[in-house]
Protein backbone atom coordinates (compact mmCIF):
# COMPACT_ATOMS: atom_id res chain seq x y z
CA UNK A 1 0.00 0.00 0.00
CA UNK A 2 2.80 2.40 0.96
CA UNK A 3 4.60 1.69 -2.34
CA UNK A 4 1.40 2.37 -4.27
CA UNK A 5 0.97 5.73 -2.55
CA UNK A 6 4.59 6.65 -3.26
CA UNK A 7 4.22 5.56 -6.89
CA UNK A 8 1.11 7.73 -7.29
CA UNK A 9 2.86 10.68 -5.62
CA UNK A 10 5.86 10.20 -7.87
CA UNK A 11 3.75 10.00 -11.02
CA UNK A 12 1.79 13.08 -9.99
CA UNK A 13 4.99 14.92 -9.25
CA UNK A 14 6.35 14.16 -12.71
CA UNK A 15 3.36 15.81 -14.33
CA UNK A 16 3.98 19.06 -12.54
CA UNK A 17 7.72 18.82 -12.01
CA UNK A 18 8.24 20.43 -15.39
CA UNK A 19 6.74 23.60 -13.93
CA UNK A 20 9.41 23.63 -11.26
CA UNK A 21 12.13 22.94 -13.79
CA UNK A 22 10.46 24.46 -16.87
CA UNK A 23 12.37 23.67 -20.00
CA UNK A 24 15.28 21.46 -19.05
CA UNK A 25 17.47 23.66 -16.88
CA UNK A 26 16.28 26.93 -18.49
CA UNK A 27 13.68 28.09 -15.98
CA UNK A 28 12.43 27.45 -12.47
CA UNK A 29 8.66 27.72 -12.03
CA UNK A 30 8.50 29.92 -15.13
CA UNK A 31 11.37 32.25 -14.17
CA UNK A 32 14.37 32.15 -16.50
CA UNK A 33 17.70 31.62 -14.76
CA UNK A 34 19.60 34.90 -14.68
CA UNK A 35 16.39 36.97 -14.95
CA UNK A 36 16.44 40.44 -13.43
CA UNK A 37 14.33 40.59 -10.26
CA UNK A 38 12.55 43.67 -11.66
CA UNK A 39 11.13 41.43 -14.40
CA UNK A 40 9.71 38.86 -11.96
CA UNK A 41 6.23 39.62 -10.67
CA UNK A 42 4.89 38.71 -7.28
CA UNK A 43 8.13 38.55 -5.33
CA UNK A 44 7.80 38.97 -1.56
CA UNK A 45 11.03 40.17 0.03
CA UNK A 46 12.74 38.13 2.69
CA UNK A 47 16.17 38.32 4.28
CA UNK A 48 19.31 39.55 2.58
CA UNK A 49 22.74 38.17 3.42
CA UNK A 50 26.11 38.77 1.79
CA UNK A 51 24.53 40.32 -1.30
CA UNK A 52 21.96 37.54 -1.78
CA UNK A 53 18.31 38.57 -1.64
CA UNK A 54 15.75 35.91 -0.74
CA UNK A 55 12.14 36.08 -1.93
CA UNK A 56 9.00 33.99 -1.84
CA UNK A 57 5.88 34.36 -3.96
CA UNK A 58 2.21 34.12 -3.14
CA UNK A 59 1.74 30.72 -4.76
CA UNK A 60 0.63 27.22 -3.90
CA UNK A 61 3.29 25.53 -1.84
CA UNK A 62 3.13 22.43 -4.01
CA UNK A 63 5.28 20.62 -6.50
CA UNK A 64 2.86 18.46 -8.42
CA UNK A 65 0.53 17.05 -5.78
CA UNK A 66 3.18 17.15 -3.09
CA UNK A 67 2.77 19.85 -0.51
CA UNK A 68 6.06 21.47 0.36
CA UNK A 69 6.96 23.72 3.24
CA UNK A 70 8.53 26.63 1.32
CA UNK A 71 9.74 27.75 -2.09
CA UNK A 72 12.49 30.37 -2.09
CA UNK A 73 13.91 32.42 -4.97
CA UNK A 74 17.45 33.79 -4.49
CA UNK A 75 18.92 36.72 -6.39
CA UNK A 76 22.51 37.95 -6.50
CA UNK A 77 23.10 41.47 -7.80
CA UNK A 78 19.46 41.46 -8.85
CA UNK A 79 19.80 38.29 -10.99
CA UNK A 80 17.97 35.01 -10.36
CA UNK A 81 20.67 32.53 -9.45
CA UNK A 82 19.31 29.94 -7.02
CA UNK A 83 16.13 28.41 -5.65
CA UNK A 84 15.18 26.14 -2.79
CA UNK A 85 12.20 23.93 -2.07
CA UNK A 86 11.90 22.67 1.51
CA UNK A 87 9.71 19.76 2.60
CA UNK A 88 8.89 17.55 5.57
CA UNK A 89 8.78 13.77 5.73
CA UNK A 90 10.47 10.75 4.22
CA UNK A 91 7.52 9.99 1.87
CA UNK A 92 7.92 13.42 0.22
CA UNK A 93 11.67 12.91 -0.03
CA UNK A 94 11.13 9.54 -1.71
CA UNK A 95 8.58 10.93 -4.16
CA UNK A 96 10.79 13.88 -5.11
CA UNK A 97 13.83 11.61 -5.41
CA UNK A 98 11.92 9.25 -7.73
CA UNK A 99 10.81 12.14 -9.92
CA UNK A 100 14.33 13.57 -10.18
CA UNK A 101 15.74 10.13 -11.02
CA UNK A 102 13.14 9.54 -13.72
CA UNK A 103 13.75 12.95 -15.27
CA UNK A 104 17.54 13.29 -14.89
CA UNK A 105 18.89 9.82 -14.17
CA UNK A 106 20.25 8.37 -10.95
CA UNK A 107 22.27 11.39 -9.90
CA UNK A 108 25.36 11.06 -7.78
CA UNK A 109 25.52 10.17 -4.09
CA UNK A 110 28.87 11.58 -2.94
CA UNK A 111 28.61 10.28 0.64
CA UNK A 112 27.00 6.85 1.17
CA UNK A 113 26.23 7.71 4.80
CA UNK A 114 24.10 10.75 3.92
CA UNK A 115 20.79 11.16 2.10
CA UNK A 116 22.17 13.60 -0.46
CA UNK A 117 22.04 13.39 -4.25
CA UNK A 118 23.46 15.63 -6.97
CA UNK A 119 22.52 16.30 -10.58
CA UNK A 120 24.80 18.47 -12.70
CA UNK A 121 24.42 20.06 -16.08
CA UNK A 122 26.61 22.67 -17.67
CA UNK A 123 24.73 25.59 -16.11
CA UNK A 124 22.62 24.12 -13.32
CA UNK A 125 23.44 22.06 -10.24
CA UNK A 126 20.59 20.38 -8.34
CA UNK A 127 21.01 18.97 -4.84
CA UNK A 128 18.43 16.85 -3.03
CA UNK A 129 19.08 16.44 0.70
CA UNK A 130 17.20 14.79 3.55
CA UNK A 131 18.01 14.93 7.27
CA UNK A 132 16.38 11.91 8.94
CA UNK A 133 16.89 13.29 12.46
CA UNK A 134 14.89 16.40 11.52
CA UNK A 135 12.54 14.56 9.12
CA UNK A 136 13.05 17.38 6.62
CA UNK A 137 14.83 18.07 3.39
CA UNK A 138 15.32 20.39 0.45
CA UNK A 139 15.88 20.56 -3.26
CA UNK A 140 18.43 23.26 -4.07
CA UNK A 141 19.06 24.70 -7.51
CA UNK A 142 22.21 26.67 -8.34
CA UNK A 143 22.56 28.50 -11.66
CA UNK A 144 26.31 28.19 -12.17
CA UNK A 145 26.99 31.47 -14.04
CA UNK A 146 25.54 33.46 -11.11
CA UNK A 147 27.25 31.24 -8.51
CA UNK A 148 30.59 31.69 -10.29
CA UNK A 149 30.09 35.48 -10.42
CA UNK A 150 29.43 35.55 -6.68
CA UNK A 151 32.54 33.45 -5.96
CA UNK A 152 34.62 35.75 -8.16
CA UNK A 153 33.25 38.82 -6.38
CA UNK A 154 33.97 37.29 -2.98
CA UNK A 155 37.54 36.42 -4.01
CA UNK A 156 38.15 39.92 -5.31
CA UNK A 157 36.69 41.46 -2.14
CA UNK A 158 38.96 39.25 -0.03
CA UNK A 159 41.97 40.27 -2.09
CA UNK A 160 41.09 43.95 -1.66
CA UNK A 161 40.78 43.46 2.10
CA UNK A 162 44.18 41.79 2.27
CA UNK A 163 45.73 44.51 0.11
CA UNK A 164 44.25 47.20 2.34
CA UNK A 165 45.66 45.51 5.44
CA UNK A 166 49.08 45.28 3.82
CA UNK A 167 48.92 48.92 2.75
CA UNK A 168 48.06 49.91 6.33
CA UNK A 169 51.14 48.15 7.76
C-alpha atoms as a PDB file:
ATOM      1  CA  UNK A   1       0.000   0.000   0.000  1.00  0.00           C
ATOM      2  CA  UNK A   2       2.800   2.400   0.959  1.00  0.00           C
ATOM      3  CA  UNK A   3       4.598   1.689  -2.337  1.00  0.00           C
ATOM      4  CA  UNK A   4       1.398   2.369  -4.274  1.00  0.00           C
ATOM      5  CA  UNK A   5       0.971   5.729  -2.548  1.00  0.00           C
ATOM      6  CA  UNK A   6       4.591   6.646  -3.262  1.00  0.00           C
ATOM      7  CA  UNK A   7       4.220   5.565  -6.893  1.00  0.00           C
ATOM      8  CA  UNK A   8       1.107   7.729  -7.286  1.00  0.00           C
ATOM      9  CA  UNK A   9       2.856  10.680  -5.620  1.00  0.00           C
ATOM     10  CA  UNK A  10       5.863  10.199  -7.866  1.00  0.00           C
ATOM     11  CA  UNK A  11       3.749  10.004 -11.021  1.00  0.00           C
ATOM     12  CA  UNK A  12       1.785  13.082  -9.994  1.00  0.00           C
ATOM     13  CA  UNK A  13       4.991  14.916  -9.254  1.00  0.00           C
ATOM     14  CA  UNK A  14       6.350  14.158 -12.712  1.00  0.00           C
ATOM     15  CA  UNK A  15       3.361  15.813 -14.331  1.00  0.00           C
ATOM     16  CA  UNK A  16       3.977  19.062 -12.543  1.00  0.00           C
ATOM     17  CA  UNK A  17       7.725  18.816 -12.007  1.00  0.00           C
ATOM     18  CA  UNK A  18       8.244  20.433 -15.392  1.00  0.00           C
ATOM     19  CA  UNK A  19       6.736  23.600 -13.932  1.00  0.00           C
ATOM     20  CA  UNK A  20       9.405  23.626 -11.259  1.00  0.00           C
ATOM     21  CA  UNK A  21      12.130  22.941 -13.790  1.00  0.00           C
ATOM     22  CA  UNK A  22      10.461  24.461 -16.866  1.00  0.00           C
ATOM     23  CA  UNK A  23      12.368  23.666 -20.004  1.00  0.00           C
ATOM     24  CA  UNK A  24      15.282  21.455 -19.047  1.00  0.00           C
ATOM     25  CA  UNK A  25      17.472  23.660 -16.884  1.00  0.00           C
ATOM     26  CA  UNK A  26      16.275  26.927 -18.494  1.00  0.00           C
ATOM     27  CA  UNK A  27      13.676  28.086 -15.980  1.00  0.00           C
ATOM     28  CA  UNK A  28      12.435  27.446 -12.475  1.00  0.00           C
ATOM     29  CA  UNK A  29       8.661  27.718 -12.035  1.00  0.00           C
ATOM     30  CA  UNK A  30       8.498  29.915 -15.129  1.00  0.00           C
ATOM     31  CA  UNK A  31      11.368  32.248 -14.171  1.00  0.00           C
ATOM     32  CA  UNK A  32      14.375  32.146 -16.503  1.00  0.00           C
ATOM     33  CA  UNK A  33      17.703  31.617 -14.761  1.00  0.00           C
ATOM     34  CA  UNK A  34      19.602  34.905 -14.677  1.00  0.00           C
ATOM     35  CA  UNK A  35      16.394  36.972 -14.948  1.00  0.00           C
ATOM     36  CA  UNK A  36      16.441  40.445 -13.432  1.00  0.00           C
ATOM     37  CA  UNK A  37      14.330  40.595 -10.261  1.00  0.00           C
ATOM     38  CA  UNK A  38      12.550  43.673 -11.659  1.00  0.00           C
ATOM     39  CA  UNK A  39      11.132  41.430 -14.397  1.00  0.00           C
ATOM     40  CA  UNK A  40       9.713  38.863 -11.957  1.00  0.00           C
ATOM     41  CA  UNK A  41       6.233  39.618 -10.673  1.00  0.00           C
ATOM     42  CA  UNK A  42       4.889  38.707  -7.280  1.00  0.00           C
ATOM     43  CA  UNK A  43       8.131  38.548  -5.327  1.00  0.00           C
ATOM     44  CA  UNK A  44       7.801  38.970  -1.559  1.00  0.00           C
ATOM     45  CA  UNK A  45      11.033  40.171   0.028  1.00  0.00           C
ATOM     46  CA  UNK A  46      12.742  38.133   2.693  1.00  0.00           C
ATOM     47  CA  UNK A  47      16.175  38.325   4.278  1.00  0.00           C
ATOM     48  CA  UNK A  48      19.312  39.546   2.583  1.00  0.00           C
ATOM     49  CA  UNK A  49      22.739  38.168   3.422  1.00  0.00           C
ATOM     50  CA  UNK A  50      26.108  38.773   1.787  1.00  0.00           C
ATOM     51  CA  UNK A  51      24.528  40.322  -1.296  1.00  0.00           C
ATOM     52  CA  UNK A  52      21.964  37.538  -1.776  1.00  0.00           C
ATOM     53  CA  UNK A  53      18.309  38.568  -1.636  1.00  0.00           C
ATOM     54  CA  UNK A  54      15.749  35.910  -0.744  1.00  0.00           C
ATOM     55  CA  UNK A  55      12.144  36.078  -1.932  1.00  0.00           C
ATOM     56  CA  UNK A  56       9.000  33.993  -1.837  1.00  0.00           C
ATOM     57  CA  UNK A  57       5.880  34.364  -3.959  1.00  0.00           C
ATOM     58  CA  UNK A  58       2.208  34.118  -3.141  1.00  0.00           C
ATOM     59  CA  UNK A  59       1.738  30.716  -4.763  1.00  0.00           C
ATOM     60  CA  UNK A  60       0.628  27.219  -3.897  1.00  0.00           C
ATOM     61  CA  UNK A  61       3.295  25.531  -1.839  1.00  0.00           C
ATOM     62  CA  UNK A  62       3.129  22.429  -4.012  1.00  0.00           C
ATOM     63  CA  UNK A  63       5.276  20.619  -6.503  1.00  0.00           C
ATOM     64  CA  UNK A  64       2.864  18.455  -8.417  1.00  0.00           C
ATOM     65  CA  UNK A  65       0.530  17.047  -5.785  1.00  0.00           C
ATOM     66  CA  UNK A  66       3.181  17.150  -3.091  1.00  0.00           C
ATOM     67  CA  UNK A  67       2.774  19.855  -0.508  1.00  0.00           C
ATOM     68  CA  UNK A  68       6.056  21.473   0.365  1.00  0.00           C
ATOM     69  CA  UNK A  69       6.956  23.725   3.237  1.00  0.00           C
ATOM     70  CA  UNK A  70       8.532  26.634   1.324  1.00  0.00           C
ATOM     71  CA  UNK A  71       9.738  27.751  -2.090  1.00  0.00           C
ATOM     72  CA  UNK A  72      12.492  30.374  -2.094  1.00  0.00           C
ATOM     73  CA  UNK A  73      13.912  32.423  -4.971  1.00  0.00           C
ATOM     74  CA  UNK A  74      17.451  33.794  -4.494  1.00  0.00           C
ATOM     75  CA  UNK A  75      18.924  36.725  -6.394  1.00  0.00           C
ATOM     76  CA  UNK A  76      22.512  37.950  -6.497  1.00  0.00           C
ATOM     77  CA  UNK A  77      23.096  41.468  -7.798  1.00  0.00           C
ATOM     78  CA  UNK A  78      19.457  41.456  -8.847  1.00  0.00           C
ATOM     79  CA  UNK A  79      19.802  38.291 -10.989  1.00  0.00           C
ATOM     80  CA  UNK A  80      17.970  35.006 -10.363  1.00  0.00           C
ATOM     81  CA  UNK A  81      20.675  32.525  -9.445  1.00  0.00           C
ATOM     82  CA  UNK A  82      19.311  29.939  -7.020  1.00  0.00           C
ATOM     83  CA  UNK A  83      16.134  28.409  -5.646  1.00  0.00           C
ATOM     84  CA  UNK A  84      15.183  26.141  -2.788  1.00  0.00           C
ATOM     85  CA  UNK A  85      12.204  23.932  -2.068  1.00  0.00           C
ATOM     86  CA  UNK A  86      11.896  22.671   1.511  1.00  0.00           C
ATOM     87  CA  UNK A  87       9.706  19.764   2.600  1.00  0.00           C
ATOM     88  CA  UNK A  88       8.886  17.555   5.575  1.00  0.00           C
ATOM     89  CA  UNK A  89       8.783  13.772   5.730  1.00  0.00           C
ATOM     90  CA  UNK A  90      10.474  10.752   4.221  1.00  0.00           C
ATOM     91  CA  UNK A  91       7.518   9.987   1.869  1.00  0.00           C
ATOM     92  CA  UNK A  92       7.918  13.418   0.223  1.00  0.00           C
ATOM     93  CA  UNK A  93      11.674  12.911  -0.030  1.00  0.00           C
ATOM     94  CA  UNK A  94      11.133   9.535  -1.711  1.00  0.00           C
ATOM     95  CA  UNK A  95       8.578  10.929  -4.164  1.00  0.00           C
ATOM     96  CA  UNK A  96      10.792  13.879  -5.111  1.00  0.00           C
ATOM     97  CA  UNK A  97      13.834  11.612  -5.411  1.00  0.00           C
ATOM     98  CA  UNK A  98      11.924   9.248  -7.726  1.00  0.00           C
ATOM     99  CA  UNK A  99      10.808  12.139  -9.923  1.00  0.00           C
ATOM    100  CA  UNK A 100      14.333  13.565 -10.175  1.00  0.00           C
ATOM    101  CA  UNK A 101      15.741  10.132 -11.022  1.00  0.00           C
ATOM    102  CA  UNK A 102      13.145   9.545 -13.718  1.00  0.00           C
ATOM    103  CA  UNK A 103      13.750  12.946 -15.268  1.00  0.00           C
ATOM    104  CA  UNK A 104      17.536  13.287 -14.886  1.00  0.00           C
ATOM    105  CA  UNK A 105      18.890   9.821 -14.173  1.00  0.00           C
ATOM    106  CA  UNK A 106      20.246   8.369 -10.950  1.00  0.00           C
ATOM    107  CA  UNK A 107      22.270  11.387  -9.900  1.00  0.00           C
ATOM    108  CA  UNK A 108      25.365  11.056  -7.775  1.00  0.00           C
ATOM    109  CA  UNK A 109      25.525  10.172  -4.095  1.00  0.00           C
ATOM    110  CA  UNK A 110      28.867  11.584  -2.943  1.00  0.00           C
ATOM    111  CA  UNK A 111      28.612  10.276   0.636  1.00  0.00           C
ATOM    112  CA  UNK A 112      26.996   6.853   1.168  1.00  0.00           C
ATOM    113  CA  UNK A 113      26.233   7.706   4.800  1.00  0.00           C
ATOM    114  CA  UNK A 114      24.101  10.754   3.922  1.00  0.00           C
ATOM    115  CA  UNK A 115      20.789  11.158   2.101  1.00  0.00           C
ATOM    116  CA  UNK A 116      22.166  13.603  -0.459  1.00  0.00           C
ATOM    117  CA  UNK A 117      22.038  13.386  -4.249  1.00  0.00           C
ATOM    118  CA  UNK A 118      23.462  15.631  -6.973  1.00  0.00           C
ATOM    119  CA  UNK A 119      22.522  16.304 -10.580  1.00  0.00           C
ATOM    120  CA  UNK A 120      24.804  18.469 -12.704  1.00  0.00           C
ATOM    121  CA  UNK A 121      24.419  20.059 -16.081  1.00  0.00           C
ATOM    122  CA  UNK A 122      26.612  22.670 -17.674  1.00  0.00           C
ATOM    123  CA  UNK A 123      24.732  25.590 -16.112  1.00  0.00           C
ATOM    124  CA  UNK A 124      22.622  24.122 -13.322  1.00  0.00           C
ATOM    125  CA  UNK A 125      23.440  22.064 -10.244  1.00  0.00           C
ATOM    126  CA  UNK A 126      20.590  20.380  -8.343  1.00  0.00           C
ATOM    127  CA  UNK A 127      21.008  18.971  -4.844  1.00  0.00           C
ATOM    128  CA  UNK A 128      18.432  16.853  -3.033  1.00  0.00           C
ATOM    129  CA  UNK A 129      19.085  16.437   0.697  1.00  0.00           C
ATOM    130  CA  UNK A 130      17.199  14.795   3.545  1.00  0.00           C
ATOM    131  CA  UNK A 131      18.011  14.933   7.272  1.00  0.00           C
ATOM    132  CA  UNK A 132      16.383  11.910   8.938  1.00  0.00           C
ATOM    133  CA  UNK A 133      16.891  13.286  12.458  1.00  0.00           C
ATOM    134  CA  UNK A 134      14.885  16.395  11.520  1.00  0.00           C
ATOM    135  CA  UNK A 135      12.543  14.560   9.117  1.00  0.00           C
ATOM    136  CA  UNK A 136      13.052  17.380   6.621  1.00  0.00           C
ATOM    137  CA  UNK A 137      14.833  18.073   3.385  1.00  0.00           C
ATOM    138  CA  UNK A 138      15.319  20.390   0.454  1.00  0.00           C
ATOM    139  CA  UNK A 139      15.885  20.562  -3.256  1.00  0.00           C
ATOM    140  CA  UNK A 140      18.431  23.259  -4.068  1.00  0.00           C
ATOM    141  CA  UNK A 141      19.058  24.699  -7.513  1.00  0.00           C
ATOM    142  CA  UNK A 142      22.205  26.672  -8.340  1.00  0.00           C
ATOM    143  CA  UNK A 143      22.555  28.500 -11.657  1.00  0.00           C
ATOM    144  CA  UNK A 144      26.306  28.186 -12.174  1.00  0.00           C
ATOM    145  CA  UNK A 145      26.992  31.469 -14.036  1.00  0.00           C
ATOM    146  CA  UNK A 146      25.540  33.464 -11.110  1.00  0.00           C
ATOM    147  CA  UNK A 147      27.253  31.237  -8.513  1.00  0.00           C
ATOM    148  CA  UNK A 148      30.585  31.690 -10.288  1.00  0.00           C
ATOM    149  CA  UNK A 149      30.089  35.475 -10.417  1.00  0.00           C
ATOM    150  CA  UNK A 150      29.426  35.549  -6.678  1.00  0.00           C
ATOM    151  CA  UNK A 151      32.540  33.452  -5.957  1.00  0.00           C
ATOM    152  CA  UNK A 152      34.619  35.746  -8.162  1.00  0.00           C
ATOM    153  CA  UNK A 153      33.253  38.825  -6.382  1.00  0.00           C
ATOM    154  CA  UNK A 154      33.970  37.286  -2.975  1.00  0.00           C
ATOM    155  CA  UNK A 155      37.535  36.418  -4.008  1.00  0.00           C
ATOM    156  CA  UNK A 156      38.149  39.923  -5.306  1.00  0.00           C
ATOM    157  CA  UNK A 157      36.689  41.456  -2.136  1.00  0.00           C
ATOM    158  CA  UNK A 158      38.956  39.251  -0.030  1.00  0.00           C
ATOM    159  CA  UNK A 159      41.974  40.272  -2.085  1.00  0.00           C
ATOM    160  CA  UNK A 160      41.086  43.952  -1.660  1.00  0.00           C
ATOM    161  CA  UNK A 161      40.778  43.455   2.102  1.00  0.00           C
ATOM    162  CA  UNK A 162      44.184  41.788   2.265  1.00  0.00           C
ATOM    163  CA  UNK A 163      45.734  44.512   0.109  1.00  0.00           C
ATOM    164  CA  UNK A 164      44.248  47.205   2.341  1.00  0.00           C
ATOM    165  CA  UNK A 165      45.661  45.514   5.437  1.00  0.00           C
ATOM    166  CA  UNK A 166      49.078  45.275   3.818  1.00  0.00           C
ATOM    167  CA  UNK A 167      48.921  48.923   2.755  1.00  0.00           C
ATOM    168  CA  UNK A 168      48.061  49.913   6.330  1.00  0.00           C
ATOM    169  CA  UNK A 169      51.140  48.154   7.760  1.00  0.00           C
END
